[in-house]
């Protein structure tokens, strides 16, 4: 085998190798660090996970607090609202460029309907460190039922941005 560089045979790069190389360049060229693009923060203990059966009414974490709660009394057949509130903590703030949205549960509780099944940032009030969305619903019958959905949001510090999706639910008592 010759050691002269001009006589070496070059192998063509595979499509997979090229794709991997280009994706690495895209990350470097985008100006984002690994932590800014990350969608989770590491160990599961840091973020209370939602269960497959449903969400939680309150999620507390080191950088944010999230809660879905009833706002008053509810009557069967009449529209009511539950409130979803987001509060950033410490050096973190709500990302003003992220398209915050709340999507109601894919399989709503029996007898519960939603006049607006997808709420966006503009449907609520969001400031630097707190935000509120009011989720309208109609419960057809009396008794306890659930209002549920998923909130997609982003919380940032000077060092990184965290993108989150949290399942939430509120148990309400319909009169």
Protein backbone atom coordinates (compact mmCIF):
# COMPACT_ATOMS: atom_id res chain seq x y z
CA UNK A 1 0.00 0.00 0.00
CA UNK A 2 1.38 3.40 -0.95
CA UNK A 3 1.87 6.11 1.65
CA UNK A 4 1.88 8.82 -1.00
CA UNK A 5 -1.29 10.96 -0.36
CA UNK A 6 -1.84 11.56 -4.09
CA UNK A 7 -2.35 7.85 -4.78
CA UNK A 8 -4.72 7.00 -1.88
CA UNK A 9 -8.20 5.83 -2.78
CA UNK A 10 -11.00 7.96 -1.32
CA UNK A 11 -14.14 6.28 -0.09
CA UNK A 12 -17.44 8.07 -0.67
CA UNK A 13 -19.22 9.17 2.53
CA UNK A 14 -22.44 7.42 3.32
CA UNK A 15 -25.70 9.37 3.45
CA UNK A 16 -25.95 8.70 7.21
CA UNK A 17 -22.44 10.05 7.84
CA UNK A 18 -23.23 13.21 5.87
CA UNK A 19 -26.52 13.71 7.73
CA UNK A 20 -24.82 13.35 11.11
CA UNK A 21 -22.08 15.80 10.13
CA UNK A 22 -24.57 18.33 8.81
CA UNK A 23 -26.78 18.11 11.90
CA UNK A 24 -23.76 18.84 14.08
CA UNK A 25 -22.93 21.87 11.95
CA UNK A 26 -26.51 23.09 12.17
CA UNK A 27 -26.36 23.05 15.98
CA UNK A 28 -23.03 24.87 15.97
CA UNK A 29 -24.22 27.42 13.44
CA UNK A 30 -27.52 28.13 15.18
CA UNK A 31 -25.89 29.86 18.14
CA UNK A 32 -27.74 27.63 20.60
CA UNK A 33 -25.94 25.58 23.15
CA UNK A 34 -27.01 22.06 24.03
CA UNK A 35 -28.85 23.28 27.13
CA UNK A 36 -30.88 25.89 25.22
CA UNK A 37 -32.24 23.29 22.84
CA UNK A 38 -32.85 20.64 25.48
CA UNK A 39 -36.46 19.67 26.14
CA UNK A 40 -35.86 18.19 29.56
CA UNK A 41 -33.69 18.92 32.53
CA UNK A 42 -32.16 15.57 33.31
CA UNK A 43 -33.17 13.19 36.09
CA UNK A 44 -36.85 12.45 36.41
CA UNK A 45 -36.74 13.59 40.03
CA UNK A 46 -36.31 17.19 38.85
CA UNK A 47 -39.66 17.32 37.02
CA UNK A 48 -42.75 15.65 38.46
CA UNK A 49 -43.90 13.37 35.67
CA UNK A 50 -47.52 13.17 34.63
CA UNK A 51 -49.08 9.77 34.81
CA UNK A 52 -50.63 8.10 31.74
CA UNK A 53 -54.01 8.15 33.53
CA UNK A 54 -53.99 11.93 33.80
CA UNK A 55 -52.16 14.95 35.04
CA UNK A 56 -51.79 16.71 38.32
CA UNK A 57 -53.55 19.80 39.54
CA UNK A 58 -50.26 21.31 40.74
CA UNK A 59 -46.64 20.87 39.66
CA UNK A 60 -43.86 22.40 41.79
CA UNK A 61 -40.30 22.48 40.63
CA UNK A 62 -37.13 24.48 41.31
CA UNK A 63 -37.73 26.87 38.38
CA UNK A 64 -41.52 27.06 38.04
CA UNK A 65 -44.87 26.40 39.65
CA UNK A 66 -47.86 25.33 37.56
CA UNK A 67 -51.45 24.89 38.74
CA UNK A 68 -54.91 24.17 37.31
CA UNK A 69 -57.69 25.07 39.72
CA UNK A 70 -61.44 25.63 39.87
CA UNK A 71 -62.45 29.30 40.00
CA UNK A 72 -65.94 29.21 41.48
CA UNK A 73 -69.16 27.24 41.45
CA UNK A 74 -70.32 25.31 38.41
CA UNK A 75 -73.81 24.47 37.17
CA UNK A 76 -74.69 21.60 34.83
CA UNK A 77 -75.19 22.76 31.24
CA UNK A 78 -73.58 26.17 31.82
CA UNK A 79 -70.11 27.31 30.76
CA UNK A 80 -67.53 27.53 33.51
CA UNK A 81 -63.78 28.08 33.56
CA UNK A 82 -60.78 26.62 35.33
CA UNK A 83 -57.63 28.66 35.67
CA UNK A 84 -54.17 27.52 34.60
CA UNK A 85 -51.45 29.59 36.24
CA UNK A 86 -47.70 29.52 35.56
CA UNK A 87 -45.14 31.19 37.82
CA UNK A 88 -41.41 31.26 37.13
CA UNK A 89 -38.95 31.15 40.04
CA UNK A 90 -35.52 32.59 40.76
CA UNK A 91 -33.56 33.73 37.73
CA UNK A 92 -36.06 32.13 35.32
CA UNK A 93 -38.72 33.94 33.29
CA UNK A 94 -41.48 32.90 30.90
CA UNK A 95 -40.11 32.77 27.36
CA UNK A 96 -41.90 35.59 25.51
CA UNK A 97 -41.10 34.06 22.10
CA UNK A 98 -42.39 30.53 22.78
CA UNK A 99 -45.89 29.72 21.43
CA UNK A 100 -47.53 28.76 24.74
CA UNK A 101 -50.61 26.61 24.28
CA UNK A 102 -53.08 24.53 26.26
CA UNK A 103 -54.70 21.61 24.47
CA UNK A 104 -57.62 19.85 26.16
CA UNK A 105 -57.39 16.13 26.85
CA UNK A 106 -57.72 13.93 23.76
CA UNK A 107 -60.39 11.89 25.57
CA UNK A 108 -62.42 14.37 27.68
CA UNK A 109 -64.29 13.18 30.76
CA UNK A 110 -67.78 11.91 30.00
CA UNK A 111 -70.23 14.78 29.66
CA UNK A 112 -67.54 17.49 29.48
CA UNK A 113 -67.17 19.59 26.33
CA UNK A 114 -64.87 22.48 25.49
CA UNK A 115 -66.00 25.52 23.48
CA UNK A 116 -62.33 26.22 22.66
CA UNK A 117 -60.23 22.99 22.77
CA UNK A 118 -56.95 24.80 21.97
CA UNK A 119 -55.92 27.95 23.81
CA UNK A 120 -52.87 29.96 22.82
CA UNK A 121 -50.70 32.62 24.45
CA UNK A 122 -52.96 35.39 23.13
CA UNK A 123 -55.96 33.81 24.94
CA UNK A 124 -54.30 34.47 28.30
CA UNK A 125 -52.31 37.09 30.14
CA UNK A 126 -48.55 36.51 30.32
CA UNK A 127 -45.95 38.70 31.97
CA UNK A 128 -42.26 38.11 32.59
CA UNK A 129 -42.74 35.88 35.65
CA UNK A 130 -46.39 34.85 35.66
CA UNK A 131 -49.12 33.85 33.28
CA UNK A 132 -52.77 32.81 33.40
CA UNK A 133 -55.04 30.99 30.94
CA UNK A 134 -58.76 30.53 31.61
CA UNK A 135 -60.00 27.25 30.13
CA UNK A 136 -63.74 27.28 29.31
CA UNK A 137 -65.78 24.07 29.55
CA UNK A 138 -69.35 22.84 29.88
CA UNK A 139 -70.27 19.89 32.13
CA UNK A 140 -73.54 18.29 31.07
CA UNK A 141 -74.46 16.68 34.41
CA UNK A 142 -74.17 17.18 38.17
CA UNK A 143 -71.45 15.53 40.21
CA UNK A 144 -67.68 15.41 40.26
CA UNK A 145 -65.84 15.43 36.94
CA UNK A 146 -62.44 16.31 35.52
CA UNK A 147 -61.22 19.09 33.27
CA UNK A 148 -57.85 18.16 31.78
CA UNK A 149 -55.27 18.96 29.14
CA UNK A 150 -51.61 19.62 28.34
CA UNK A 151 -49.82 22.94 28.75
CA UNK A 152 -46.81 23.53 26.47
CA UNK A 153 -44.52 26.34 27.64
CA UNK A 154 -40.92 27.47 27.96
CA UNK A 155 -39.05 28.91 30.95
CA UNK A 156 -35.65 30.61 30.44
CA UNK A 157 -32.69 31.93 32.38
CA UNK A 158 -29.67 33.78 31.00
CA UNK A 159 -27.95 30.39 30.58
CA UNK A 160 -30.67 28.22 29.01
CA UNK A 161 -34.30 27.67 28.05
CA UNK A 162 -36.38 24.70 29.15
CA UNK A 163 -39.30 23.56 26.98
CA UNK A 164 -41.98 21.71 28.88
CA UNK A 165 -45.24 19.83 28.31
CA UNK A 166 -47.20 19.14 31.48
CA UNK A 167 -50.45 17.24 31.81
CA UNK A 168 -52.83 19.00 34.17
CA UNK A 169 -56.27 18.22 35.54
CA UNK A 170 -58.74 19.76 37.96
CA UNK A 171 -61.50 17.87 39.72
CA UNK A 172 -64.61 20.02 39.79
CA UNK A 173 -67.95 19.67 41.55
CA UNK A 174 -70.88 20.48 39.26
CA UNK A 175 -74.18 21.52 40.92
